[in-house]
Amino acid sequence: QVHLVESGGGSVQAGGSLILSCDANRWLYCYGWFRQAPGKEREGVASHAGDGSTKYIDSVKGRFTISKDNAKNILYLKMNNLKPEDSAMYYCATNTISFRCDLTPDEYNYWGQGTQVTVSS
């Protein structure tokens, strides 16, 4: 079993920054950050593979950075220049299914409870 706990969400004004953290009791190969806004489908935001490679959706490229602190066993999502459309529940996830580390939610089978990010204009 893998247990994931997110933290770091909050309310900020547009242009502000937040850093999300994900604590895991064990590390697998692929990790990702996902988000879901009310009335919308869950979407992949960024993924991190065991070889250090990363993927991002176009709307966050240049603003968000996914990283992993191997010493502390924590996955981060640094979010800069936040926009109101970034408002959502953010989830950390990992999987025992695929090594592709894509941004497809269906490929991930372990999820945290989520942390809320609200960006006001």
N, C-alpha and C. Protein backbone atom coordinates (compact mmCIF):
# COMPACT_ATOMS: atom_id res chain seq x y z
N GLN A 1 0.83 -1.20 0.00
CA GLN A 1 0.00 0.00 0.00
C GLN A 1 0.87 1.25 0.00
N VAL A 2 0.39 2.27 -0.67
CA VAL A 2 1.07 3.56 -0.71
C VAL A 2 0.14 4.60 -0.13
N HIS A 3 0.66 5.36 0.81
CA HIS A 3 -0.13 6.45 1.41
C HIS A 3 0.50 7.78 1.04
N LEU A 4 -0.32 8.65 0.53
CA LEU A 4 0.14 9.97 0.08
C LEU A 4 -0.60 11.05 0.84
N VAL A 5 0.11 12.06 1.30
CA VAL A 5 -0.50 13.15 2.03
C VAL A 5 -0.01 14.47 1.45
N GLU A 6 -0.96 15.25 0.93
CA GLU A 6 -0.63 16.55 0.35
C GLU A 6 -0.79 17.65 1.39
N SER A 7 -0.03 18.72 1.17
CA SER A 7 -0.16 19.91 2.01
C SER A 7 0.32 21.12 1.21
N GLY A 8 0.03 22.30 1.73
CA GLY A 8 0.55 23.51 1.12
C GLY A 8 -0.46 24.33 0.34
N GLY A 9 -1.68 23.83 0.20
CA GLY A 9 -2.68 24.60 -0.51
C GLY A 9 -3.10 25.83 0.27
N GLY A 10 -3.87 26.69 -0.38
CA GLY A 10 -4.33 27.90 0.29
C GLY A 10 -4.97 28.85 -0.69
N SER A 11 -5.20 30.06 -0.21
CA SER A 11 -5.82 31.09 -1.04
C SER A 11 -4.80 32.18 -1.30
N VAL A 12 -4.65 32.52 -2.57
CA VAL A 12 -3.71 33.57 -2.96
C VAL A 12 -4.35 34.45 -4.03
N GLN A 13 -3.78 35.60 -4.23
CA GLN A 13 -4.24 36.46 -5.32
C GLN A 13 -3.50 36.08 -6.60
N ALA A 14 -4.10 36.45 -7.71
CA ALA A 14 -3.48 36.19 -9.00
C ALA A 14 -2.07 36.78 -9.03
N GLY A 15 -1.15 36.00 -9.58
CA GLY A 15 0.24 36.42 -9.60
C GLY A 15 1.05 35.90 -8.44
N GLY A 16 0.37 35.35 -7.45
CA GLY A 16 1.04 34.84 -6.27
C GLY A 16 1.63 33.45 -6.49
N SER A 17 2.22 32.91 -5.43
CA SER A 17 2.89 31.62 -5.51
C SER A 17 2.48 30.72 -4.35
N LEU A 18 2.55 29.43 -4.60
CA LEU A 18 2.35 28.42 -3.57
C LEU A 18 3.28 27.25 -3.85
N ILE A 19 3.62 26.54 -2.79
CA ILE A 19 4.39 25.30 -2.95
C ILE A 19 3.59 24.17 -2.31
N LEU A 20 3.20 23.20 -3.11
CA LEU A 20 2.52 22.02 -2.61
C LEU A 20 3.53 20.94 -2.29
N SER A 21 3.24 20.17 -1.26
CA SER A 21 4.12 19.07 -0.86
C SER A 21 3.34 17.78 -0.81
N CYS A 22 4.02 16.69 -1.09
CA CYS A 22 3.40 15.36 -1.05
C CYS A 22 4.34 14.42 -0.31
N ASP A 23 3.86 13.93 0.82
CA ASP A 23 4.61 12.96 1.61
C ASP A 23 4.14 11.56 1.25
N ALA A 24 5.07 10.66 1.04
CA ALA A 24 4.70 9.28 0.71
C ALA A 24 5.41 8.31 1.65
N ASN A 25 4.75 7.21 1.94
CA ASN A 25 5.38 6.22 2.82
C ASN A 25 6.32 5.30 2.04
N ARG A 26 6.21 5.31 0.72
CA ARG A 26 7.16 4.59 -0.12
C ARG A 26 7.17 5.23 -1.50
N TRP A 27 8.27 5.06 -2.19
CA TRP A 27 8.40 5.72 -3.49
C TRP A 27 8.41 4.70 -4.61
N LEU A 28 7.59 4.97 -5.59
CA LEU A 28 7.55 4.17 -6.80
C LEU A 28 8.18 4.98 -7.93
N TYR A 29 8.01 4.55 -9.17
CA TYR A 29 8.74 5.20 -10.27
C TYR A 29 8.11 6.50 -10.73
N CYS A 30 6.79 6.53 -10.87
CA CYS A 30 6.10 7.70 -11.41
C CYS A 30 5.29 8.39 -10.32
N TYR A 31 5.41 9.68 -10.29
CA TYR A 31 4.57 10.50 -9.43
C TYR A 31 4.02 11.66 -10.23
N GLY A 32 2.82 12.08 -9.84
CA GLY A 32 2.22 13.18 -10.56
C GLY A 32 1.38 14.06 -9.67
N TRP A 33 1.20 15.27 -10.14
CA TRP A 33 0.25 16.20 -9.53
C TRP A 33 -0.92 16.36 -10.49
N PHE A 34 -2.11 16.28 -9.96
CA PHE A 34 -3.33 16.40 -10.73
C PHE A 34 -4.22 17.44 -10.06
N ARG A 35 -5.20 17.93 -10.80
CA ARG A 35 -6.13 18.88 -10.21
C ARG A 35 -7.51 18.67 -10.78
N GLN A 36 -8.48 19.06 -9.97
CA GLN A 36 -9.86 18.96 -10.40
C GLN A 36 -10.64 20.14 -9.87
N ALA A 37 -11.20 20.89 -10.79
CA ALA A 37 -12.05 22.03 -10.44
C ALA A 37 -13.50 21.57 -10.44
N PRO A 38 -14.36 22.25 -9.71
CA PRO A 38 -15.78 21.85 -9.68
C PRO A 38 -16.39 21.79 -11.07
N GLY A 39 -17.05 20.68 -11.36
CA GLY A 39 -17.71 20.52 -12.64
C GLY A 39 -16.79 20.14 -13.79
N LYS A 40 -15.51 19.95 -13.48
CA LYS A 40 -14.56 19.60 -14.54
C LYS A 40 -13.92 18.25 -14.24
N GLU A 41 -13.36 17.65 -15.28
CA GLU A 41 -12.67 16.38 -15.10
C GLU A 41 -11.30 16.61 -14.46
N ARG A 42 -10.84 15.57 -13.79
CA ARG A 42 -9.50 15.64 -13.22
C ARG A 42 -8.47 15.66 -14.35
N GLU A 43 -7.48 16.54 -14.23
CA GLU A 43 -6.47 16.63 -15.28
C GLU A 43 -5.07 16.54 -14.68
N GLY A 44 -4.16 15.98 -15.45
CA GLY A 44 -2.78 15.92 -15.02
C GLY A 44 -2.12 17.27 -15.18
N VAL A 45 -1.34 17.65 -14.20
CA VAL A 45 -0.64 18.94 -14.22
C VAL A 45 0.84 18.74 -14.51
N ALA A 46 1.46 17.83 -13.77
CA ALA A 46 2.89 17.58 -13.92
C ALA A 46 3.20 16.18 -13.43
N SER A 47 4.20 15.56 -14.04
CA SER A 47 4.62 14.24 -13.60
C SER A 47 6.14 14.20 -13.45
N HIS A 48 6.59 13.29 -12.61
CA HIS A 48 8.01 13.15 -12.31
C HIS A 48 8.36 11.67 -12.36
N ALA A 49 9.36 11.33 -13.14
CA ALA A 49 9.76 9.93 -13.26
C ALA A 49 11.01 9.66 -12.44
N GLY A 50 11.25 8.37 -12.21
CA GLY A 50 12.40 7.99 -11.41
C GLY A 50 13.74 8.39 -12.00
N ASP A 51 13.78 8.62 -13.32
CA ASP A 51 15.03 9.05 -13.94
C ASP A 51 15.18 10.57 -13.91
N GLY A 52 14.23 11.25 -13.27
CA GLY A 52 14.29 12.69 -13.13
C GLY A 52 13.57 13.46 -14.22
N SER A 53 13.07 12.78 -15.23
CA SER A 53 12.37 13.46 -16.31
C SER A 53 11.00 13.96 -15.82
N THR A 54 10.54 15.02 -16.42
CA THR A 54 9.27 15.64 -16.01
C THR A 54 8.41 15.95 -17.23
N LYS A 55 7.11 16.05 -16.98
CA LYS A 55 6.16 16.45 -18.01
C LYS A 55 5.21 17.46 -17.40
N TYR A 56 4.71 18.37 -18.24
CA TYR A 56 3.78 19.40 -17.79
C TYR A 56 2.69 19.59 -18.84
N ILE A 57 1.50 19.98 -18.37
CA ILE A 57 0.51 20.42 -19.34
C ILE A 57 0.90 21.81 -19.81
N ASP A 58 0.46 22.14 -21.01
CA ASP A 58 0.89 23.39 -21.64
C ASP A 58 0.54 24.61 -20.80
N SER A 59 -0.60 24.59 -20.14
CA SER A 59 -1.07 25.78 -19.44
C SER A 59 -0.23 26.15 -18.22
N VAL A 60 0.63 25.24 -17.76
CA VAL A 60 1.44 25.54 -16.58
C VAL A 60 2.93 25.61 -16.89
N LYS A 61 3.30 25.32 -18.12
CA LYS A 61 4.71 25.36 -18.48
C LYS A 61 5.29 26.75 -18.26
N GLY A 62 6.44 26.79 -17.63
CA GLY A 62 7.06 28.07 -17.32
C GLY A 62 6.59 28.68 -16.02
N ARG A 63 5.54 28.14 -15.44
CA ARG A 63 5.01 28.67 -14.17
C ARG A 63 5.12 27.66 -13.03
N PHE A 64 4.93 26.39 -13.33
CA PHE A 64 4.96 25.34 -12.31
C PHE A 64 6.23 24.50 -12.47
N THR A 65 6.73 24.00 -11.34
CA THR A 65 7.90 23.13 -11.36
C THR A 65 7.65 21.96 -10.40
N ILE A 66 7.78 20.76 -10.92
CA ILE A 66 7.67 19.56 -10.09
C ILE A 66 9.07 19.10 -9.74
N SER A 67 9.26 18.72 -8.48
CA SER A 67 10.57 18.25 -8.07
C SER A 67 10.42 17.28 -6.92
N LYS A 68 11.47 16.52 -6.67
CA LYS A 68 11.44 15.53 -5.59
C LYS A 68 12.69 15.66 -4.77
N ASP A 69 12.52 15.78 -3.48
CA ASP A 69 13.64 15.82 -2.55
C ASP A 69 13.87 14.39 -2.06
N ASN A 70 14.88 13.75 -2.59
CA ASN A 70 15.12 12.35 -2.24
C ASN A 70 15.55 12.17 -0.79
N ALA A 71 16.20 13.18 -0.24
CA ALA A 71 16.64 13.08 1.15
C ALA A 71 15.46 13.12 2.11
N LYS A 72 14.46 13.95 1.78
CA LYS A 72 13.30 14.10 2.65
C LYS A 72 12.12 13.25 2.20
N ASN A 73 12.25 12.60 1.04
CA ASN A 73 11.15 11.79 0.50
C ASN A 73 9.87 12.60 0.33
N ILE A 74 10.00 13.77 -0.26
CA ILE A 74 8.85 14.63 -0.49
C ILE A 74 8.83 15.06 -1.95
N LEU A 75 7.65 15.06 -2.51
CA LEU A 75 7.44 15.56 -3.88
C LEU A 75 6.84 16.95 -3.77
N TYR A 76 7.34 17.88 -4.58
CA TYR A 76 6.87 19.25 -4.53
C TYR A 76 6.25 19.67 -5.85
N LEU A 77 5.37 20.66 -5.76
CA LEU A 77 4.90 21.37 -6.94
C LEU A 77 4.98 22.85 -6.60
N LYS A 78 5.97 23.52 -7.19
CA LYS A 78 6.11 24.95 -6.98
C LYS A 78 5.31 25.66 -8.05
N MET A 79 4.41 26.52 -7.61
CA MET A 79 3.50 27.19 -8.54
C MET A 79 3.70 28.70 -8.44
N ASN A 80 4.13 29.28 -9.54
CA ASN A 80 4.34 30.72 -9.61
C ASN A 80 3.35 31.36 -10.56
N ASN A 81 3.18 32.66 -10.43
CA ASN A 81 2.28 33.42 -11.32
C ASN A 81 0.93 32.73 -11.44
N LEU A 82 0.35 32.41 -10.32
CA LEU A 82 -0.92 31.69 -10.31
C LEU A 82 -2.03 32.52 -10.92
N LYS A 83 -2.94 31.83 -11.59
CA LYS A 83 -4.07 32.46 -12.26
C LYS A 83 -5.37 31.90 -11.67
N PRO A 84 -6.45 32.65 -11.78
CA PRO A 84 -7.73 32.14 -11.25
C PRO A 84 -8.10 30.77 -11.82
N GLU A 85 -7.73 30.50 -13.06
CA GLU A 85 -8.06 29.21 -13.67
C GLU A 85 -7.24 28.06 -13.10
N ASP A 86 -6.25 28.36 -12.25
CA ASP A 86 -5.50 27.32 -11.56
C ASP A 86 -6.23 26.83 -10.31
N SER A 87 -7.29 27.51 -9.95
CA SER A 87 -8.04 27.13 -8.75
C SER A 87 -8.62 25.73 -8.91
N ALA A 88 -8.36 24.88 -7.95
CA ALA A 88 -8.82 23.48 -8.01
C ALA A 88 -8.35 22.75 -6.76
N MET A 89 -8.86 21.54 -6.61
CA MET A 89 -8.29 20.62 -5.63
C MET A 89 -7.11 19.94 -6.31
N TYR A 90 -5.98 19.97 -5.65
CA TYR A 90 -4.77 19.37 -6.21
C TYR A 90 -4.46 18.05 -5.50
N TYR A 91 -4.14 17.05 -6.30
CA TYR A 91 -3.88 15.72 -5.77
C TYR A 91 -2.50 15.24 -6.19
N CYS A 92 -1.88 14.53 -5.30
CA CYS A 92 -0.64 13.82 -5.60
C CYS A 92 -1.02 12.37 -5.87
N ALA A 93 -0.36 11.74 -6.83
CA ALA A 93 -0.69 10.36 -7.17
C ALA A 93 0.55 9.62 -7.63
N THR A 94 0.48 8.29 -7.50
CA THR A 94 1.53 7.44 -8.02
C THR A 94 0.89 6.18 -8.57
N ASN A 95 1.69 5.36 -9.23
CA ASN A 95 1.07 4.19 -9.85
C ASN A 95 2.01 2.99 -9.88
N THR A 96 1.37 1.83 -9.89
CA THR A 96 2.09 0.57 -10.04
C THR A 96 1.77 -0.05 -11.39
N ILE A 97 1.22 0.78 -12.29
CA ILE A 97 0.70 0.28 -13.55
C ILE A 97 1.64 0.54 -14.72
N SER A 98 2.21 1.74 -14.76
CA SER A 98 2.94 2.16 -15.96
C SER A 98 4.23 2.87 -15.58
N PHE A 99 5.22 2.75 -16.47
CA PHE A 99 6.47 3.50 -16.32
C PHE A 99 6.51 4.70 -17.25
N ARG A 100 5.40 4.96 -17.95
CA ARG A 100 5.40 6.07 -18.90
C ARG A 100 5.36 7.42 -18.21
N CYS A 101 4.77 7.45 -17.02
CA CYS A 101 4.66 8.68 -16.24
C CYS A 101 3.94 9.77 -17.03
N ASP A 102 2.87 9.39 -17.71
CA ASP A 102 2.06 10.34 -18.45
C ASP A 102 1.18 11.14 -17.50
N LEU A 103 0.43 12.05 -18.07
CA LEU A 103 -0.46 12.91 -17.28
C LEU A 103 -1.90 12.43 -17.35
N THR A 104 -2.06 11.14 -17.52
CA THR A 104 -3.39 10.54 -17.64
C THR A 104 -3.82 10.00 -16.29
N PRO A 105 -4.85 10.55 -15.68
CA PRO A 105 -5.27 10.10 -14.34
C PRO A 105 -5.53 8.60 -14.25
N ASP A 106 -6.05 8.00 -15.31
CA ASP A 106 -6.39 6.57 -15.26
C ASP A 106 -5.17 5.68 -15.07
N GLU A 107 -3.98 6.22 -15.33
CA GLU A 107 -2.76 5.42 -15.17
C GLU A 107 -2.25 5.40 -13.74
N TYR A 108 -2.93 6.13 -12.87
CA TYR A 108 -2.46 6.24 -11.48
C TYR A 108 -3.47 5.56 -10.56
N ASN A 109 -2.95 4.73 -9.67
CA ASN A 109 -3.85 3.96 -8.83
C ASN A 109 -3.71 4.23 -7.33
N TYR A 110 -2.85 5.16 -6.94
CA TYR A 110 -2.78 5.58 -5.55
C TYR A 110 -2.88 7.09 -5.51
N TRP A 111 -3.77 7.58 -4.66
CA TRP A 111 -4.07 9.01 -4.60
C TRP A 111 -4.09 9.52 -3.17
N GLY A 112 -3.69 10.76 -3.03
CA GLY A 112 -3.85 11.43 -1.75
C GLY A 112 -5.24 12.01 -1.63
N GLN A 113 -5.49 12.69 -0.52
CA GLN A 113 -6.82 13.26 -0.26
C GLN A 113 -6.99 14.63 -0.92
N GLY A 114 -5.92 15.25 -1.30
CA GLY A 114 -6.02 16.53 -2.00
C GLY A 114 -5.80 17.73 -1.09
N THR A 115 -5.39 18.83 -1.71
CA THR A 115 -5.23 20.10 -1.02
C THR A 115 -5.79 21.19 -1.93
N GLN A 116 -6.58 22.09 -1.36
CA GLN A 116 -7.30 23.08 -2.14
C GLN A 116 -6.43 24.30 -2.46
N VAL A 117 -6.48 24.70 -3.71
CA VAL A 117 -5.80 25.93 -4.15
C VAL A 117 -6.85 26.86 -4.72
N THR A 118 -6.92 28.06 -4.18
CA THR A 118 -7.87 29.06 -4.65
C THR A 118 -7.12 30.33 -5.02
N VAL A 119 -7.31 30.77 -6.25
CA VAL A 119 -6.63 31.96 -6.75
C VAL A 119 -7.68 33.00 -7.10
N SER A 120 -7.61 34.14 -6.46
CA SER A 120 -8.59 35.20 -6.70
C SER A 120 -7.99 36.25 -7.64
N SER A 121 -8.88 36.85 -8.42
CA SER A 121 -8.43 37.86 -9.40
C SER A 121 -8.36 39.23 -8.78
